[in-house]
Amino acid sequence: MRKRMDLVGLCIVSGVSAFGGGTLRDILLDRRPFFWVSHSAWLWVLILTCILAMFFMRERHLTFTEKAIQIPDALGLGLFTALGTQIALDLNMPAIVAALMGVMTAVFGGVLRDICCNEIPKAFNDHQPYALLAFLDAWIVISLSAMGLQEWFVLSLAASITTILRGLAIQFKWQLPHHSHIKKN
């Protein structure tokens, strides 16, 4: 909405953000049908949410909304990473591939959204440990799965740990080292 898109643009960019990471994962894993085709009700949820946002959101709401969405986003980071990793494990992918598929599932929708909006992807330049936490989440899933634990327990625990860590990262403003930390001689 900051880019002042019309309803069609808003729906497309929101769809890319919501479904892009999982779709890319499904393409790379040659998994058909795509998850949003199998669960098409989510397309209606997306469209209705975008319509409501167009009617009810105003520019003064954007800052509040961006802050308020961080906690549900933290939950999504944990869940989507864990699920994406598990999907790859179920297809007998090597652990590193499963980990990257989990990260891709959770992070790349936002990356694709930013690219569509002609911005440097936030995941690459905001210095927060977002993708790093997803990578950790994936390895928790892989490790617990290797122990033979129940899938529901593995997914719940991994997603919970990542959600909590992301919440702490937001609260305490954790940052990764970046170019401004490098001193020039």
C-alpha atoms as a PDB file:
ATOM      1  CA  MET A   1       0.000   0.000   0.000  1.00  0.00           C
ATOM      2  CA  ARG A   2       3.008   2.311   0.521  1.00  0.00           C
ATOM      3  CA  LYS A   3       3.620   1.941  -3.223  1.00  0.00           C
ATOM      4  CA  ARG A   4       0.027   3.145  -3.905  1.00  0.00           C
ATOM      5  CA  MET A   5      -0.903   0.086  -5.942  1.00  0.00           C
ATOM      6  CA  ASP A   6      -4.416  -0.532  -7.165  1.00  0.00           C
ATOM      7  CA  LEU A   7      -6.378  -3.605  -6.043  1.00  0.00           C
ATOM      8  CA  VAL A   8      -4.933  -5.845  -8.759  1.00  0.00           C
ATOM      9  CA  GLY A   9      -1.360  -4.850  -7.907  1.00  0.00           C
ATOM     10  CA  LEU A  10      -2.034  -5.276  -4.202  1.00  0.00           C
ATOM     11  CA  CYS A  11      -3.476  -8.774  -4.742  1.00  0.00           C
ATOM     12  CA  ILE A  12      -0.600  -9.854  -6.970  1.00  0.00           C
ATOM     13  CA  VAL A  13       2.141  -8.529  -4.678  1.00  0.00           C
ATOM     14  CA  SER A  14       0.372  -9.967  -1.621  1.00  0.00           C
ATOM     15  CA  GLY A  15       0.016 -13.313  -3.406  1.00  0.00           C
ATOM     16  CA  VAL A  16       3.688 -13.343  -4.337  1.00  0.00           C
ATOM     17  CA  SER A  17       4.563 -12.572  -0.722  1.00  0.00           C
ATOM     18  CA  ALA A  18       2.210 -15.188   0.731  1.00  0.00           C
ATOM     19  CA  PHE A  19       2.774 -18.015  -1.728  1.00  0.00           C
ATOM     20  CA  GLY A  20       6.077 -17.233  -3.458  1.00  0.00           C
ATOM     21  CA  GLY A  21       8.452 -19.083  -1.129  1.00  0.00           C
ATOM     22  CA  GLY A  22       6.367 -22.249  -1.027  1.00  0.00           C
ATOM     23  CA  THR A  23       5.792 -22.142  -4.785  1.00  0.00           C
ATOM     24  CA  LEU A  24       9.514 -21.786  -5.452  1.00  0.00           C
ATOM     25  CA  ARG A  25      10.149 -24.716  -3.071  1.00  0.00           C
ATOM     26  CA  ASP A  26       7.541 -26.822  -4.894  1.00  0.00           C
ATOM     27  CA  ILE A  27       9.057 -25.972  -8.296  1.00  0.00           C
ATOM     28  CA  LEU A  28      12.569 -26.908  -7.176  1.00  0.00           C
ATOM     29  CA  LEU A  29      11.344 -30.125  -5.544  1.00  0.00           C
ATOM     30  CA  ASP A  30       9.172 -30.929  -8.599  1.00  0.00           C
ATOM     31  CA  ARG A  31       6.169 -31.187  -6.272  1.00  0.00           C
ATOM     32  CA  ARG A  32       2.753 -30.979  -7.900  1.00  0.00           C
ATOM     33  CA  PRO A  33       0.160 -29.677  -7.510  1.00  0.00           C
ATOM     34  CA  PHE A  34       1.469 -26.527  -5.862  1.00  0.00           C
ATOM     35  CA  PHE A  35       0.221 -26.166  -2.296  1.00  0.00           C
ATOM     36  CA  TRP A  36      -2.007 -23.182  -3.144  1.00  0.00           C
ATOM     37  CA  VAL A  37      -3.667 -25.164  -5.913  1.00  0.00           C
ATOM     38  CA  SER A  38      -4.444 -27.988  -3.486  1.00  0.00           C
ATOM     39  CA  HIS A  39      -5.696 -25.505  -0.886  1.00  0.00           C
ATOM     40  CA  SER A  40      -7.329 -22.894  -3.121  1.00  0.00           C
ATOM     41  CA  ALA A  41      -9.439 -21.464  -0.281  1.00  0.00           C
ATOM     42  CA  TRP A  42      -6.315 -19.504   0.708  1.00  0.00           C
ATOM     43  CA  LEU A  43      -6.563 -17.606  -2.588  1.00  0.00           C
ATOM     44  CA  TRP A  44     -10.017 -16.349  -1.548  1.00  0.00           C
ATOM     45  CA  VAL A  45      -8.680 -15.361   1.870  1.00  0.00           C
ATOM     46  CA  LEU A  46      -5.916 -13.397   0.167  1.00  0.00           C
ATOM     47  CA  ILE A  47      -8.291 -11.609  -2.212  1.00  0.00           C
ATOM     48  CA  LEU A  48     -10.786 -10.730   0.544  1.00  0.00           C
ATOM     49  CA  THR A  49      -8.003  -9.505   2.838  1.00  0.00           C
ATOM     50  CA  CYS A  50      -6.655  -7.266   0.077  1.00  0.00           C
ATOM     51  CA  ILE A  51     -10.118  -5.845  -0.636  1.00  0.00           C
ATOM     52  CA  LEU A  52     -10.654  -5.111   3.057  1.00  0.00           C
ATOM     53  CA  ALA A  53      -7.202  -3.537   3.306  1.00  0.00           C
ATOM     54  CA  MET A  54      -7.979  -1.226   0.360  1.00  0.00           C
ATOM     55  CA  PHE A  55     -11.167  -0.007   2.034  1.00  0.00           C
ATOM     56  CA  PHE A  56     -10.041   0.241   5.636  1.00  0.00           C
ATOM     57  CA  MET A  57      -6.300   0.924   5.654  1.00  0.00           C
ATOM     58  CA  ARG A  58      -5.180   4.501   5.535  1.00  0.00           C
ATOM     59  CA  GLU A  59      -1.658   5.872   5.270  1.00  0.00           C
ATOM     60  CA  ARG A  60      -1.655   6.718   8.984  1.00  0.00           C
ATOM     61  CA  HIS A  61      -2.226   3.014   9.760  1.00  0.00           C
ATOM     62  CA  LEU A  62       0.867   1.762   7.918  1.00  0.00           C
ATOM     63  CA  THR A  63       3.449   2.322  10.662  1.00  0.00           C
ATOM     64  CA  PHE A  64       1.220   0.696  13.278  1.00  0.00           C
ATOM     65  CA  THR A  65       0.432  -2.224  10.954  1.00  0.00           C
ATOM     66  CA  GLU A  66       4.105  -2.821  10.131  1.00  0.00           C
ATOM     67  CA  LYS A  67       4.897  -3.070  13.855  1.00  0.00           C
ATOM     68  CA  ALA A  68       1.820  -5.148  14.694  1.00  0.00           C
ATOM     69  CA  ILE A  69       2.556  -7.707  11.966  1.00  0.00           C
ATOM     70  CA  GLN A  70       5.985  -8.584  13.397  1.00  0.00           C
ATOM     71  CA  ILE A  71       4.672 -11.130  15.927  1.00  0.00           C
ATOM     72  CA  PRO A  72       2.417 -13.015  13.471  1.00  0.00           C
ATOM     73  CA  ASP A  73       5.350 -12.855  11.035  1.00  0.00           C
ATOM     74  CA  ALA A  74       7.618 -14.427  13.682  1.00  0.00           C
ATOM     75  CA  LEU A  75       5.103 -17.253  14.046  1.00  0.00           C
ATOM     76  CA  GLY A  76       4.980 -17.625  10.262  1.00  0.00           C
ATOM     77  CA  LEU A  77       8.769 -17.735  10.068  1.00  0.00           C
ATOM     78  CA  GLY A  78       8.854 -20.646  12.511  1.00  0.00           C
ATOM     79  CA  LEU A  79       5.931 -22.558  11.024  1.00  0.00           C
ATOM     80  CA  PHE A  80       6.748 -22.131   7.340  1.00  0.00           C
ATOM     81  CA  THR A  81      10.403 -22.987   7.829  1.00  0.00           C
ATOM     82  CA  ALA A  82       9.526 -26.110   9.800  1.00  0.00           C
ATOM     83  CA  LEU A  83       6.877 -27.223   7.297  1.00  0.00           C
ATOM     84  CA  GLY A  84       9.061 -26.506   4.260  1.00  0.00           C
ATOM     85  CA  THR A  85      11.914 -28.454   5.797  1.00  0.00           C
ATOM     86  CA  GLN A  86       9.623 -31.383   6.641  1.00  0.00           C
ATOM     87  CA  ILE A  87       8.215 -31.456   3.106  1.00  0.00           C
ATOM     88  CA  ALA A  88      11.756 -31.771   1.714  1.00  0.00           C
ATOM     89  CA  LEU A  89      12.644 -34.457   4.282  1.00  0.00           C
ATOM     90  CA  ASP A  90       9.509 -36.393   3.319  1.00  0.00           C
ATOM     91  CA  LEU A  91      10.824 -36.368  -0.256  1.00  0.00           C
ATOM     92  CA  ASN A  92      14.127 -37.864   0.996  1.00  0.00           C
ATOM     93  CA  MET A  93      16.171 -34.774   0.214  1.00  0.00           C
ATOM     94  CA  PRO A  94      19.644 -34.469   1.780  1.00  0.00           C
ATOM     95  CA  ALA A  95      19.672 -32.504   5.038  1.00  0.00           C
ATOM     96  CA  ILE A  96      21.291 -29.383   3.552  1.00  0.00           C
ATOM     97  CA  VAL A  97      18.744 -29.312   0.723  1.00  0.00           C
ATOM     98  CA  ALA A  98      15.901 -29.756   3.220  1.00  0.00           C
ATOM     99  CA  ALA A  99      17.294 -26.882   5.310  1.00  0.00           C
ATOM    100  CA  LEU A 100      17.520 -24.589   2.306  1.00  0.00           C
ATOM    101  CA  MET A 101      14.004 -25.535   1.193  1.00  0.00           C
ATOM    102  CA  GLY A 102      12.743 -24.613   4.668  1.00  0.00           C
ATOM    103  CA  VAL A 103      14.480 -21.235   4.561  1.00  0.00           C
ATOM    104  CA  MET A 104      13.211 -20.627   1.042  1.00  0.00           C
ATOM    105  CA  THR A 105       9.649 -21.470   2.039  1.00  0.00           C
ATOM    106  CA  ALA A 106       9.667 -18.940   4.873  1.00  0.00           C
ATOM    107  CA  VAL A 107      11.832 -16.142   3.486  1.00  0.00           C
ATOM    108  CA  PHE A 108      11.568 -15.971  -0.292  1.00  0.00           C
ATOM    109  CA  GLY A 109       7.980 -14.767  -0.536  1.00  0.00           C
ATOM    110  CA  GLY A 110       9.140 -11.520   1.050  1.00  0.00           C
ATOM    111  CA  VAL A 111      12.210 -11.426  -1.173  1.00  0.00           C
ATOM    112  CA  LEU A 112      10.054 -11.802  -4.293  1.00  0.00           C
ATOM    113  CA  ARG A 113       7.614  -9.175  -2.950  1.00  0.00           C
ATOM    114  CA  ASP A 114      10.431  -6.662  -2.502  1.00  0.00           C
ATOM    115  CA  ILE A 115      11.788  -7.381  -5.977  1.00  0.00           C
ATOM    116  CA  CYS A 116       8.308  -6.835  -7.460  1.00  0.00           C
ATOM    117  CA  CYS A 117       8.178  -3.492  -5.607  1.00  0.00           C
ATOM    118  CA  ASN A 118      11.604  -2.525  -6.980  1.00  0.00           C
ATOM    119  CA  GLU A 119      13.314  -2.617  -3.580  1.00  0.00           C
ATOM    120  CA  ILE A 120      16.409  -4.371  -2.309  1.00  0.00           C
ATOM    121  CA  PRO A 121      14.975  -7.360  -0.422  1.00  0.00           C
ATOM    122  CA  LYS A 122      14.598  -6.488   3.250  1.00  0.00           C
ATOM    123  CA  ALA A 123      15.860  -9.964   4.185  1.00  0.00           C
ATOM    124  CA  PHE A 124      19.209  -9.044   2.607  1.00  0.00           C
ATOM    125  CA  ASN A 125      19.778  -5.557   3.981  1.00  0.00           C
ATOM    126  CA  ASP A 126      17.971  -4.968   7.292  1.00  0.00           C
ATOM    127  CA  HIS A 127      20.716  -6.786   9.251  1.00  0.00           C
ATOM    128  CA  GLN A 128      18.219  -8.762  11.348  1.00  0.00           C
ATOM    129  CA  PRO A 129      18.839 -12.489  11.907  1.00  0.00           C
ATOM    130  CA  TYR A 130      15.635 -13.416  10.039  1.00  0.00           C
ATOM    131  CA  ALA A 131      16.954 -15.930   7.498  1.00  0.00           C
ATOM    132  CA  LEU A 132      19.569 -17.124   9.997  1.00  0.00           C
ATOM    133  CA  LEU A 133      16.786 -18.010  12.456  1.00  0.00           C
ATOM    134  CA  ALA A 134      14.992 -19.865   9.668  1.00  0.00           C
ATOM    135  CA  PHE A 135      18.188 -21.819   8.971  1.00  0.00           C
ATOM    136  CA  LEU A 136      18.442 -22.703  12.674  1.00  0.00           C
ATOM    137  CA  ASP A 137      14.786 -23.754  12.671  1.00  0.00           C
ATOM    138  CA  ALA A 138      15.406 -26.064   9.715  1.00  0.00           C
ATOM    139  CA  TRP A 139      18.301 -27.774  11.503  1.00  0.00           C
ATOM    140  CA  ILE A 140      16.167 -28.238  14.617  1.00  0.00           C
ATOM    141  CA  VAL A 141      13.582 -30.023  12.450  1.00  0.00           C
ATOM    142  CA  ILE A 142      16.263 -32.143  10.788  1.00  0.00           C
ATOM    143  CA  SER A 143      17.921 -33.073  14.102  1.00  0.00           C
ATOM    144  CA  LEU A 144      14.702 -33.914  15.930  1.00  0.00           C
ATOM    145  CA  SER A 145      13.372 -35.860  12.945  1.00  0.00           C
ATOM    146  CA  ALA A 146      16.592 -37.908  12.865  1.00  0.00           C
ATOM    147  CA  MET A 147      15.875 -38.868  16.489  1.00  0.00           C
ATOM    148  CA  GLY A 148      12.614 -40.447  15.345  1.00  0.00           C
ATOM    149  CA  LEU A 149      10.356 -38.069  17.274  1.00  0.00           C
ATOM    150  CA  GLN A 150       6.730 -37.570  16.259  1.00  0.00           C
ATOM    151  CA  GLU A 151       6.359 -35.132  13.354  1.00  0.00           C
ATOM    152  CA  TRP A 152       3.770 -32.950  15.139  1.00  0.00           C
ATOM    153  CA  PHE A 153       6.136 -32.583  18.101  1.00  0.00           C
ATOM    154  CA  VAL A 154       9.127 -31.790  15.906  1.00  0.00           C
ATOM    155  CA  LEU A 155       7.247 -29.131  13.940  1.00  0.00           C
ATOM    156  CA  SER A 156       5.670 -27.594  17.044  1.00  0.00           C
ATOM    157  CA  LEU A 157       8.926 -27.424  18.993  1.00  0.00           C
ATOM    158  CA  ALA A 158      11.015 -26.074  16.117  1.00  0.00           C
ATOM    159  CA  ALA A 159       8.407 -23.459  15.199  1.00  0.00           C
ATOM    160  CA  SER A 160       8.031 -22.414  18.841  1.00  0.00           C
ATOM    161  CA  ILE A 161      11.770 -22.016  19.380  1.00  0.00           C
ATOM    162  CA  THR A 162      12.121 -19.921  16.231  1.00  0.00           C
ATOM    163  CA  THR A 163       9.080 -17.793  17.056  1.00  0.00           C
ATOM    164  CA  ILE A 164      10.484 -17.059  20.512  1.00  0.00           C
ATOM    165  CA  LEU A 165      13.948 -16.277  19.152  1.00  0.00           C
ATOM    166  CA  ARG A 166      12.476 -13.977  16.497  1.00  0.00           C
ATOM    167  CA  GLY A 167      10.432 -12.221  19.190  1.00  0.00           C
ATOM    168  CA  LEU A 168      13.597 -11.727  21.244  1.00  0.00           C
ATOM    169  CA  ALA A 169      15.444 -10.457  18.180  1.00  0.00           C
ATOM    170  CA  ILE A 170      12.699  -7.883  17.623  1.00  0.00           C
ATOM    171  CA  GLN A 171      12.526  -6.902  21.284  1.00  0.00           C
ATOM    172  CA  PHE A 172      16.268  -6.528  21.756  1.00  0.00           C
ATOM    173  CA  LYS A 173      17.007  -5.300  18.204  1.00  0.00           C
ATOM    174  CA  TRP A 174      19.538  -8.037  17.463  1.00  0.00           C
ATOM    175  CA  GLN A 175      21.568  -7.414  14.334  1.00  0.00           C
ATOM    176  CA  LEU A 176      23.979  -9.410  12.244  1.00  0.00           C
ATOM    177  CA  PRO A 177      27.427  -8.022  11.490  1.00  0.00           C
ATOM    178  CA  HIS A 178      27.334  -5.912   8.321  1.00  0.00           C
ATOM    179  CA  HIS A 179      29.496  -3.643   6.210  1.00  0.00           C
ATOM    180  CA  SER A 180      29.379  -0.709   8.643  1.00  0.00           C
ATOM    181  CA  HIS A 181      30.953  -2.971  11.287  1.00  0.00           C
ATOM    182  CA  ILE A 182      34.052  -3.403   9.138  1.00  0.00           C
ATOM    183  CA  LYS A 183      36.689  -0.777   9.925  1.00  0.00           C
ATOM    184  CA  LYS A 184      38.765   0.624   7.105  1.00  0.00           C
ATOM    185  CA  ASN A 185      42.519   1.044   7.551  1.00  0.00           C
END
